[in-house]
C-alpha atoms as a PDB file:
ATOM      1  CA  MET A   1     -68.729 -17.756 -18.932  1.00  0.00           C
ATOM      2  CA  LYS A   2     -70.814 -14.996 -17.984  1.00  0.00           C
ATOM      3  CA  GLU A   3     -70.200 -15.889 -14.623  1.00  0.00           C
ATOM      4  CA  LEU A   4     -66.409 -15.779 -15.001  1.00  0.00           C
ATOM      5  CA  LEU A   5     -66.185 -12.488 -16.242  1.00  0.00           C
ATOM      6  CA  ASP A   6     -68.327 -11.225 -13.472  1.00  0.00           C
ATOM      7  CA  ALA A   7     -66.210 -12.795 -11.225  1.00  0.00           C
ATOM      8  CA  LEU A   8     -62.707 -10.801 -13.263  1.00  0.00           C
ATOM      9  CA  ARG A   9     -64.698  -7.463 -12.862  1.00  0.00           C
ATOM     10  CA  ALA A  10     -65.942  -7.687  -9.747  1.00  0.00           C
ATOM     11  CA  ALA A  11     -62.262  -8.300  -8.634  1.00  0.00           C
ATOM     12  CA  ILE A  12     -60.582  -5.363 -10.488  1.00  0.00           C
ATOM     13  CA  VAL A  13     -63.412  -3.132  -9.468  1.00  0.00           C
ATOM     14  CA  GLY A  14     -62.542  -4.388  -6.039  1.00  0.00           C
ATOM     15  CA  VAL A  15     -58.862  -3.502  -5.870  1.00  0.00           C
ATOM     16  CA  GLN A  16     -59.409   0.033  -4.119  1.00  0.00           C
ATOM     17  CA  PRO A  17     -55.993   2.763  -4.158  1.00  0.00           C
ATOM     18  CA  VAL A  18     -55.762   3.401  -0.173  1.00  0.00           C
ATOM     19  CA  GLU A  19     -54.300   6.817   1.085  1.00  0.00           C
ATOM     20  CA  SER A  20     -51.017   6.163   2.287  1.00  0.00           C
ATOM     21  CA  LYS A  21     -48.449   8.546   4.467  1.00  0.00           C
ATOM     22  CA  THR A  22     -45.467   7.363   2.843  1.00  0.00           C
ATOM     23  CA  ALA A  23     -44.118   7.786  -0.516  1.00  0.00           C
ATOM     24  CA  ALA A  24     -45.163   4.153  -0.963  1.00  0.00           C
ATOM     25  CA  PRO A  25     -48.936   3.789  -2.895  1.00  0.00           C
ATOM     26  CA  LEU A  26     -50.925   1.149  -1.105  1.00  0.00           C
ATOM     27  CA  VAL A  27     -53.755  -0.633  -2.768  1.00  0.00           C
ATOM     28  CA  ALA A  28     -56.536  -3.140  -0.917  1.00  0.00           C
ATOM     29  CA  VAL A  29     -56.381  -6.449  -2.752  1.00  0.00           C
ATOM     30  CA  PRO A  30     -59.924  -8.226  -2.102  1.00  0.00           C
ATOM     31  CA  ASN A  31     -59.203 -12.174  -0.458  1.00  0.00           C
ATOM     32  CA  GLY A  32     -58.275 -14.401  -2.860  1.00  0.00           C
ATOM     33  CA  PHE A  33     -56.568 -12.627  -5.012  1.00  0.00           C
ATOM     34  CA  GLU A  34     -53.154 -11.016  -5.259  1.00  0.00           C
ATOM     35  CA  LEU A  35     -51.087  -8.619  -7.541  1.00  0.00           C
ATOM     36  CA  LYS A  36     -48.739  -9.415 -10.700  1.00  0.00           C
ATOM     37  CA  SER A  37     -45.933  -7.702 -11.698  1.00  0.00           C
ATOM     38  CA  LEU A  38     -46.190  -6.747 -15.536  1.00  0.00           C
ATOM     39  CA  GLU A  39     -42.481  -5.587 -15.884  1.00  0.00           C
ATOM     40  CA  ASN A  40     -41.493  -8.854 -17.970  1.00  0.00           C
ATOM     41  CA  TYR A  41     -44.140  -7.866 -20.111  1.00  0.00           C
ATOM     42  CA  MET A  42     -42.078  -4.128 -20.816  1.00  0.00           C
ATOM     43  CA  PRO A  43     -39.663  -3.617 -23.695  1.00  0.00           C
ATOM     44  CA  ALA A  44     -36.744  -2.920 -20.575  1.00  0.00           C
ATOM     45  CA  PRO A  45     -36.741  -3.395 -16.844  1.00  0.00           C
ATOM     46  CA  ALA A  46     -37.720  -0.235 -15.238  1.00  0.00           C
ATOM     47  CA  ARG A  47     -34.820  -0.859 -13.160  1.00  0.00           C
ATOM     48  CA  ILE A  48     -31.079  -2.446 -13.248  1.00  0.00           C
ATOM     49  CA  GLU A  49     -30.725  -5.260 -10.773  1.00  0.00           C
ATOM     50  CA  GLY A  50     -27.957  -8.223 -10.128  1.00  0.00           C
ATOM     51  CA  ASN A  51     -24.894  -8.426  -8.373  1.00  0.00           C
ATOM     52  CA  VAL A  52     -22.295  -8.816 -10.909  1.00  0.00           C
ATOM     53  CA  GLN A  53     -19.102 -10.863  -9.731  1.00  0.00           C
ATOM     54  CA  LEU A  54     -15.443  -9.541 -10.570  1.00  0.00           C
ATOM     55  CA  TYR A  55     -12.429 -11.223 -10.464  1.00  0.00           C
ATOM     56  CA  ARG A  56     -10.061  -8.416 -11.468  1.00  0.00           C
ATOM     57  CA  TYR A  57      -9.770  -4.750 -10.634  1.00  0.00           C
ATOM     58  CA  SER A  58      -9.455  -3.519 -13.904  1.00  0.00           C
ATOM     59  CA  ASP A  59     -12.915  -4.920 -14.596  1.00  0.00           C
ATOM     60  CA  PHE A  60     -14.147  -4.171 -11.175  1.00  0.00           C
ATOM     61  CA  VAL A  61     -12.890  -0.457 -11.729  1.00  0.00           C
ATOM     62  CA  ALA A  62     -14.418   0.234 -15.699  1.00  0.00           C
ATOM     63  CA  TYR A  63     -17.964  -1.583 -14.938  1.00  0.00           C
ATOM     64  CA  VAL A  64     -18.525   0.961 -11.878  1.00  0.00           C
ATOM     65  CA  ASN A  65     -17.865   3.664 -14.203  1.00  0.00           C
ATOM     66  CA  LYS A  66     -19.833   2.828 -16.442  1.00  0.00           C
ATOM     67  CA  TYR A  67     -22.381   1.973 -14.476  1.00  0.00           C
ATOM     68  CA  LYS A  68     -22.044   4.271 -11.381  1.00  0.00           C
ATOM     69  CA  GLY A  69     -24.796   7.515 -10.506  1.00  0.00           C
ATOM     70  CA  SER A  70     -23.714  10.446  -8.463  1.00  0.00           C
ATOM     71  CA  ASP A  71     -24.907   8.470  -5.389  1.00  0.00           C
ATOM     72  CA  ALA A  72     -23.053   4.980  -5.637  1.00  0.00           C
ATOM     73  CA  ARG A  73     -20.676   3.776  -3.277  1.00  0.00           C
ATOM     74  CA  ILE A  74     -18.103   1.603  -2.695  1.00  0.00           C
ATOM     75  CA  PHE A  75     -17.258  -0.893   0.980  1.00  0.00           C
ATOM     76  CA  VAL A  76     -14.067  -2.354   1.477  1.00  0.00           C
ATOM     77  CA  ASP A  77     -14.840  -5.374   3.749  1.00  0.00           C
ATOM     78  CA  LYS A  78     -11.087  -5.628   5.656  1.00  0.00           C
ATOM     79  CA  ASP A  79     -12.616  -8.311   7.568  1.00  0.00           C
ATOM     80  CA  LEU A  80     -13.525 -10.778   4.194  1.00  0.00           C
ATOM     81  CA  ALA A  81     -10.461 -10.418   2.073  1.00  0.00           C
ATOM     82  CA  PHE A  82      -8.930 -12.768   2.738  1.00  0.00           C
ATOM     83  CA  THR A  83     -11.018 -15.136   4.830  1.00  0.00           C
ATOM     84  CA  SER A  84     -13.525 -15.884   2.283  1.00  0.00           C
ATOM     85  CA  GLY A  85     -12.331 -16.325  -0.954  1.00  0.00           C
ATOM     86  CA  GLY A  86     -11.099 -12.703  -1.674  1.00  0.00           C
ATOM     87  CA  GLU A  87     -14.275 -10.914  -1.340  1.00  0.00           C
ATOM     88  CA  ILE A  88     -13.070  -6.994  -1.079  1.00  0.00           C
ATOM     89  CA  ALA A  89     -15.157  -4.606  -2.050  1.00  0.00           C
ATOM     90  CA  THR A  90     -18.756  -3.880  -3.345  1.00  0.00           C
ATOM     91  CA  ALA A  91     -19.823  -0.954  -4.945  1.00  0.00           C
ATOM     92  CA  ALA A  92     -23.464  -0.300  -4.592  1.00  0.00           C
ATOM     93  CA  LEU A  93     -24.389   1.430  -7.790  1.00  0.00           C
ATOM     94  CA  ASP A  94     -27.706   2.869  -6.833  1.00  0.00           C
ATOM     95  CA  TYR A  95     -27.219   3.525  -2.970  1.00  0.00           C
ATOM     96  CA  PRO A  96     -29.939   5.507  -1.275  1.00  0.00           C
ATOM     97  CA  THR A  97     -28.949   9.064  -0.006  1.00  0.00           C
ATOM     98  CA  PRO A  98     -31.105  11.251   2.117  1.00  0.00           C
ATOM     99  CA  GLY A  99     -33.620  12.603   0.043  1.00  0.00           C
ATOM    100  CA  LYS A 100     -33.575  10.028  -2.487  1.00  0.00           C
ATOM    101  CA  PRO A 101     -34.241   6.685  -1.526  1.00  0.00           C
ATOM    102  CA  GLY A 102     -32.622   3.927  -3.425  1.00  0.00           C
ATOM    103  CA  TRP A 103     -32.882   0.246  -3.532  1.00  0.00           C
ATOM    104  CA  SER A 104     -29.132  -0.843  -3.663  1.00  0.00           C
ATOM    105  CA  GLU A 105     -29.960  -4.123  -5.934  1.00  0.00           C
ATOM    106  CA  HIS A 106     -28.038  -3.259  -8.454  1.00  0.00           C
ATOM    107  CA  ASN A 107     -24.014  -3.846  -6.966  1.00  0.00           C
ATOM    108  CA  ALA A 108     -20.583  -5.211  -8.496  1.00  0.00           C
ATOM    109  CA  THR A 109     -18.393  -7.236  -6.214  1.00  0.00           C
ATOM    110  CA  LEU A 110     -14.418  -7.619  -6.736  1.00  0.00           C
ATOM    111  CA  ASN A 111     -13.294 -10.811  -5.232  1.00  0.00           C
ATOM    112  CA  VAL A 112      -9.597 -10.644  -5.376  1.00  0.00           C
ATOM    113  CA  ALA A 113      -8.366 -13.947  -3.354  1.00  0.00           C
ATOM    114  CA  PRO A 114      -5.201 -14.538  -1.703  1.00  0.00           C
ATOM    115  CA  SER A 115      -1.574 -15.063  -4.413  1.00  0.00           C
ATOM    116  CA  ILE A 116      -1.224 -18.844  -4.261  1.00  0.00           C
ATOM    117  CA  GLU A 117       1.893 -18.012  -2.701  1.00  0.00           C
ATOM    118  CA  TYR A 118       0.611 -16.056   0.329  1.00  0.00           C
ATOM    119  CA  ALA A 119      -2.132 -18.611   1.143  1.00  0.00           C
ATOM    120  CA  ARG A 120       0.347 -21.228   1.332  1.00  0.00           C
ATOM    121  CA  LEU A 121       2.580 -19.260   3.764  1.00  0.00           C
ATOM    122  CA  ARG A 122      -0.601 -17.640   5.477  1.00  0.00           C
ATOM    123  CA  GLU A 123      -1.908 -21.512   5.797  1.00  0.00           C
ATOM    124  CA  ILE A 124       1.120 -22.615   7.772  1.00  0.00           C
ATOM    125  CA  ASP A 125       1.500 -19.428   9.589  1.00  0.00           C
ATOM    126  CA  GLY A 126       2.070 -20.226  13.692  1.00  0.00           C
ATOM    127  CA  LYS A 127       2.134 -24.106  12.973  1.00  0.00           C
ATOM    128  CA  LEU A 128       4.933 -26.398  14.135  1.00  0.00           C
ATOM    129  CA  LEU A 129       5.827 -29.291  11.483  1.00  0.00           C
ATOM    130  CA  ASP A 130       8.187 -31.923  11.440  1.00  0.00           C
ATOM    131  CA  GLN A 131      11.291 -30.903   9.850  1.00  0.00           C
ATOM    132  CA  ASP A 132      11.259 -33.081   6.733  1.00  0.00           C
ATOM    133  CA  LYS A 133       7.260 -32.134   6.022  1.00  0.00           C
ATOM    134  CA  PHE A 134       8.236 -28.068   7.147  1.00  0.00           C
ATOM    135  CA  ALA A 135      11.032 -28.325   4.992  1.00  0.00           C
ATOM    136  CA  LEU A 136       8.607 -29.577   2.178  1.00  0.00           C
ATOM    137  CA  THR A 137       6.436 -27.185   2.720  1.00  0.00           C
ATOM    138  CA  VAL A 138       9.362 -24.049   2.514  1.00  0.00           C
ATOM    139  CA  LYS A 139      10.653 -25.908  -1.146  1.00  0.00           C
ATOM    140  CA  ASP A 140       7.226 -24.470  -2.612  1.00  0.00           C
ATOM    141  CA  LEU A 141       7.927 -20.804  -1.017  1.00  0.00           C
ATOM    142  CA  ALA A 142      11.278 -20.782  -1.747  1.00  0.00           C
ATOM    143  CA  ARG A 143      11.625 -19.129  -4.991  1.00  0.00           C
ATOM    144  CA  PHE A 144      10.062 -16.144  -3.251  1.00  0.00           C
ATOM    145  CA  VAL A 145      12.880 -15.866  -0.630  1.00  0.00           C
ATOM    146  CA  THR A 146      14.561 -12.508  -0.079  1.00  0.00           C
ATOM    147  CA  GLY A 147      18.437 -12.054   1.570  1.00  0.00           C
ATOM    148  CA  ILE A 148      19.336 -15.768   1.178  1.00  0.00           C
ATOM    149  CA  SER A 149      19.566 -18.072  -1.560  1.00  0.00           C
ATOM    150  CA  ALA A 150      17.072 -20.634  -1.738  1.00  0.00           C
ATOM    151  CA  SER A 151      19.263 -23.437  -2.049  1.00  0.00           C
ATOM    152  CA  ASP A 152      21.137 -22.336   1.357  1.00  0.00           C
ATOM    153  CA  LEU A 153      17.605 -22.306   2.950  1.00  0.00           C
ATOM    154  CA  LEU A 154      16.827 -25.369   2.077  1.00  0.00           C
ATOM    155  CA  GLU A 155      19.728 -26.753   3.302  1.00  0.00           C
ATOM    156  CA  ILE A 156      19.421 -25.289   6.204  1.00  0.00           C
ATOM    157  CA  LEU A 157      16.162 -26.214   7.029  1.00  0.00           C
ATOM    158  CA  GLN A 158      17.002 -30.182   5.880  1.00  0.00           C
ATOM    159  CA  LYS A 159      20.002 -30.501   8.070  1.00  0.00           C
ATOM    160  CA  MET A 160      19.780 -28.421  11.291  1.00  0.00           C
ATOM    161  CA  THR A 161      19.862 -30.334  14.479  1.00  0.00           C
ATOM    162  CA  LEU A 162      18.855 -28.761  17.746  1.00  0.00           C
ATOM    163  CA  THR A 163      19.618 -29.212  21.519  1.00  0.00           C
ATOM    164  CA  ALA A 164      18.915 -27.793  24.382  1.00  0.00           C
ATOM    165  CA  LYS A 165      20.983 -27.602  27.570  1.00  0.00           C
ATOM    166  CA  GLY A 166      19.591 -26.506  31.154  1.00  0.00           C
ATOM    167  CA  GLU A 167      20.602 -24.867  34.374  1.00  0.00           C
ATOM    168  CA  PHE A 168      18.946 -23.816  37.883  1.00  0.00           C
ATOM    169  CA  ARG A 169      20.041 -20.741  38.395  1.00  0.00           C
ATOM    170  CA  SER A 170      18.687 -16.890  39.627  1.00  0.00           C
ATOM    171  CA  ILE A 171      16.606 -15.425  36.886  1.00  0.00           C
ATOM    172  CA  MET A 172      15.286 -12.054  37.786  1.00  0.00           C
ATOM    173  CA  ASP A 173      11.982 -10.797  36.106  1.00  0.00           C
ATOM    174  CA  GLU A 174      12.882  -7.426  34.253  1.00  0.00           C
ATOM    175  CA  LEU A 175       9.235  -5.965  34.241  1.00  0.00           C
ATOM    176  CA  THR A 176       9.009  -5.914  38.570  1.00  0.00           C
ATOM    177  CA  GLY A 177      12.822  -6.609  39.246  1.00  0.00           C
ATOM    178  CA  SER A 178      11.470  -9.400  41.313  1.00  0.00           C
ATOM    179  CA  VAL A 179      14.152 -12.396  41.525  1.00  0.00           C
ATOM    180  CA  ASN A 180      13.364 -16.008  41.325  1.00  0.00           C
ATOM    181  CA  PHE A 181      14.812 -19.318  41.748  1.00  0.00           C
ATOM    182  CA  GLY A 182      14.163 -21.160  37.969  1.00  0.00           C
ATOM    183  CA  TYR A 183      15.597 -23.762  34.970  1.00  0.00           C
ATOM    184  CA  ASP A 184      17.247 -21.520  32.063  1.00  0.00           C
ATOM    185  CA  VAL A 185      17.005 -23.194  28.930  1.00  0.00           C
ATOM    186  CA  LYS A 186      19.222 -22.976  25.927  1.00  0.00           C
ATOM    187  CA  VAL A 187      18.795 -24.237  22.801  1.00  0.00           C
ATOM    188  CA  ASP A 188      21.557 -24.463  20.797  1.00  0.00           C
ATOM    189  CA  ALA A 189      20.727 -24.503  16.792  1.00  0.00           C
ATOM    190  CA  LYS A 190      23.207 -26.009  13.994  1.00  0.00           C
ATOM    191  CA  LEU A 191      23.955 -27.935  11.102  1.00  0.00           C
ATOM    192  CA  ASP A 192      24.696 -31.814  11.432  1.00  0.00           C
ATOM    193  CA  SER A 193      28.057 -33.119  11.126  1.00  0.00           C
ATOM    194  CA  THR A 194      27.715 -34.465   7.385  1.00  0.00           C
ATOM    195  CA  SER A 195      27.332 -30.451   6.157  1.00  0.00           C
ATOM    196  CA  THR A 196      30.183 -29.477   4.346  1.00  0.00           C
ATOM    197  CA  ARG A 197      29.896 -25.685   4.584  1.00  0.00           C
ATOM    198  CA  THR A 198      29.512 -23.270   6.558  1.00  0.00           C
ATOM    199  CA  LEU A 199      26.094 -21.766   7.312  1.00  0.00           C
ATOM    200  CA  GLU A 200      24.471 -19.432   9.637  1.00  0.00           C
ATOM    201  CA  ILE A 201      21.201 -20.568  10.483  1.00  0.00           C
ATOM    202  CA  PRO A 202      18.513 -17.254  10.270  1.00  0.00           C
ATOM    203  CA  THR A 203      16.247 -16.004  13.062  1.00  0.00           C
ATOM    204  CA  THR A 204      13.906 -14.700  10.349  1.00  0.00           C
ATOM    205  CA  ILE A 205      13.397 -15.215   7.140  1.00  0.00           C
ATOM    206  CA  GLY A 206      12.200 -12.415   4.229  1.00  0.00           C
ATOM    207  CA  PHE A 207      10.016 -12.784   1.392  1.00  0.00           C
ATOM    208  CA  GLY A 208       8.820 -10.944  -1.925  1.00  0.00           C
ATOM    209  CA  MET A 209       5.447 -11.783  -2.555  1.00  0.00           C
ATOM    210  CA  LYS A 210       2.025 -10.620  -3.982  1.00  0.00           C
ATOM    211  CA  LEU A 211      -0.655 -11.052  -1.020  1.00  0.00           C
ATOM    212  CA  LEU A 212      -3.281 -10.579  -3.425  1.00  0.00           C
ATOM    213  CA  LYS A 213      -3.461 -12.162  -7.121  1.00  0.00           C
ATOM    214  CA  GLY A 214      -3.003  -9.583  -9.347  1.00  0.00           C
ATOM    215  CA  GLY A 215      -1.232  -6.956  -6.732  1.00  0.00           C
ATOM    216  CA  THR A 216       2.067  -5.654  -6.231  1.00  0.00           C
ATOM    217  CA  GLU A 217       5.094  -7.535  -4.430  1.00  0.00           C
ATOM    218  CA  GLN A 218       5.417  -6.851  -0.939  1.00  0.00           C
ATOM    219  CA  PRO A 219       8.215  -7.434   1.486  1.00  0.00           C
ATOM    220  CA  VAL A 220       6.946 -10.294   3.888  1.00  0.00           C
ATOM    221  CA  VAL A 221       9.048 -10.894   7.243  1.00  0.00           C
ATOM    222  CA  THR A 222       8.588 -14.162   9.223  1.00  0.00           C
ATOM    223  CA  GLU A 223       9.990 -15.583  12.552  1.00  0.00           C
ATOM    224  CA  LEU A 224      11.554 -18.877  12.663  1.00  0.00           C
ATOM    225  CA  CYS A 225       9.981 -21.082  15.216  1.00  0.00           C
ATOM    226  CA  TYR A 226      11.687 -24.245  16.258  1.00  0.00           C
ATOM    227  CA  ARG A 227      10.538 -27.243  18.975  1.00  0.00           C
ATOM    228  CA  VAL A 228      13.296 -29.145  20.687  1.00  0.00           C
ATOM    229  CA  PRO A 229      13.343 -33.189  20.610  1.00  0.00           C
ATOM    230  CA  SER A 230      11.219 -34.071  24.166  1.00  0.00           C
ATOM    231  CA  GLY A 231      13.097 -37.587  24.445  1.00  0.00           C
ATOM    232  CA  PRO A 232      15.411 -39.822  22.443  1.00  0.00           C
ATOM    233  CA  GLY A 233      14.213 -40.227  18.810  1.00  0.00           C
ATOM    234  CA  GLY A 234      12.043 -36.930  19.503  1.00  0.00           C
ATOM    235  CA  LYS A 235      11.540 -35.019  16.192  1.00  0.00           C
ATOM    236  CA  VAL A 236      12.358 -31.402  15.326  1.00  0.00           C
ATOM    237  CA  GLN A 237       9.938 -29.108  14.675  1.00  0.00           C
ATOM    238  CA  LEU A 238       9.842 -26.192  12.633  1.00  0.00           C
ATOM    239  CA  GLY A 239       7.721 -23.441  11.683  1.00  0.00           C
ATOM    240  CA  LEU A 240       7.309 -19.939  10.293  1.00  0.00           C
ATOM    241  CA  ARG A 241       5.571 -16.579  12.103  1.00  0.00           C
ATOM    242  CA  ILE A 242       4.099 -14.076   9.971  1.00  0.00           C
ATOM    243  CA  VAL A 243       5.039 -10.625  11.579  1.00  0.00           C
ATOM    244  CA  ASP A 244       2.975  -8.327  12.006  1.00  0.00           C
ATOM    245  CA  ARG A 245       0.577 -10.299   9.938  1.00  0.00           C
ATOM    246  CA  GLN A 246      -2.745  -8.675  10.540  1.00  0.00           C
ATOM    247  CA  TYR A 247      -1.121  -4.797   9.872  1.00  0.00           C
ATOM    248  CA  LEU A 248       0.443  -6.253   6.602  1.00  0.00           C
ATOM    249  CA  GLU A 249      -2.418  -7.441   5.043  1.00  0.00           C
ATOM    250  CA  ASP A 250      -4.487  -4.211   6.833  1.00  0.00           C
ATOM    251  CA  ASP A 251      -1.946  -1.633   4.837  1.00  0.00           C
ATOM    252  CA  VAL A 252      -2.433  -3.787   1.583  1.00  0.00           C
ATOM    253  CA  LEU A 253      -6.662  -3.249   1.641  1.00  0.00           C
ATOM    254  CA  THR A 254      -5.971   0.045   2.773  1.00  0.00           C
ATOM    255  CA  ALA A 255      -3.721   0.602  -0.497  1.00  0.00           C
ATOM    256  CA  VAL A 256      -6.811  -1.056  -2.410  1.00  0.00           C
ATOM    257  CA  ALA A 257      -9.250   1.578  -0.625  1.00  0.00           C
ATOM    258  CA  ASP A 258      -7.356   4.806  -2.038  1.00  0.00           C
ATOM    259  CA  SER A 259      -6.952   3.643  -5.183  1.00  0.00           C
ATOM    260  CA  LEU A 260     -10.878   3.081  -5.732  1.00  0.00           C
ATOM    261  CA  VAL A 261     -11.304   6.321  -4.475  1.00  0.00           C
ATOM    262  CA  LYS A 262      -8.560   7.238  -7.250  1.00  0.00           C
ATOM    263  CA  ASP A 263      -9.598   5.253  -9.918  1.00  0.00           C
ATOM    264  CA  THR A 264     -13.465   5.774  -9.555  1.00  0.00           C
ATOM    265  CA  ALA A 265     -13.965   9.258  -7.909  1.00  0.00           C
ATOM    266  CA  LEU A 266     -16.341   7.586  -5.539  1.00  0.00           C
ATOM    267  CA  PRO A 267     -16.262   7.865  -1.840  1.00  0.00           C
ATOM    268  CA  VAL A 268     -15.032   4.523  -0.331  1.00  0.00           C
ATOM    269  CA  ALA A 269     -16.002   3.869   3.064  1.00  0.00           C
ATOM    270  CA  ILE A 270     -14.323   0.244   5.180  1.00  0.00           C
ATOM    271  CA  GLY A 271     -17.253  -1.755   6.304  1.00  0.00           C
ATOM    272  CA  GLN A 272     -20.330  -3.541   4.952  1.00  0.00           C
ATOM    273  CA  SER A 273     -23.472  -2.492   3.776  1.00  0.00           C
ATOM    274  CA  ASP A 274     -26.389  -4.675   3.499  1.00  0.00           C
ATOM    275  CA  VAL A 275     -29.502  -2.206   2.156  1.00  0.00           C
ATOM    276  CA  GLY A 276     -31.221  -3.993  -0.355  1.00  0.00           C
ATOM    277  CA  GLU A 277     -31.560  -6.753   1.627  1.00  0.00           C
ATOM    278  CA  ARG A 278     -35.667  -7.665   2.023  1.00  0.00           C
END
C-alpha cells in the first residue's frame, strides 16, 4: 500500500505547469499517466455543448433567440437544402470572433425538407417517361395545377398522340446567317379520335405549391417535353422540365435567410462553417 501511495504522490508531483506562449495553459504529464476531466462531477457543465436538430422554422427561431449570445451567427447553406434532407441553416450560438475566441460547440440546425409535392415534381424534372406512367405520376400532382383543370390535364396526357413529318429543305442558322441543307422535322400533337371534346394541348403547365414544408405557396412553371415514337409500335414519352429551377430554389432560400435576419436579429451568411470540428 505504501508503495502505491508513493507512486500516486510522485505522479501528482510530476505534473508540472509549462510556460505557454498562447492563452491556453499547458502541463507536462509523466509517461504512463493521462489527464482526466472532472467536469462530470461538477454541479453544472462549464459550457453548453451539442447540436440541436429542429424541424420547424418557428422552433428554430425560438431556440436561437433563447440561447443566442452577442457573437452568435447563422449560416444558410443553399447547396444542402434540397439535396440532403433539408438541412437549411445552422446557428453557431457560441461563434468565435476576433478578440473573443469560442468553441462553436453549441449549435442549432434547421432541417426543413422539400414539400411532398415539390419533391415529387423535382424527381421527374427533365425525365421522359412512357405516356401511361407519366399520366399516373402527374395525377398525384393534379391538385396543384393552375390555369387548367386537373381533369382536363389528365385527359390530355392520357389521350394525346404525337406524329412527326419531315422534309429536306434549306435551313438558315440564325446565329451565323449561313444556310445549310437539312431535314426539318415537325411534330404534331393532338388528342386521339376517341376524345369527344376539343382541348388545346399546352406547351407549359403551371403549378402552385410549397417548395419547402411549412413554407409559402410559390408558382412553378414547367415545360411539357415529349419524344415521338421511333417506329411502328413505339410508345410516346412525355416529361416535364421545371423552368429556371435553380433560380426558383435560390429565391426561396434567400427569402428564408432574410426572414432569419428579421426574426433573430443576428447576422446571416450564405455558406458553411466548420468551426468547432476538432
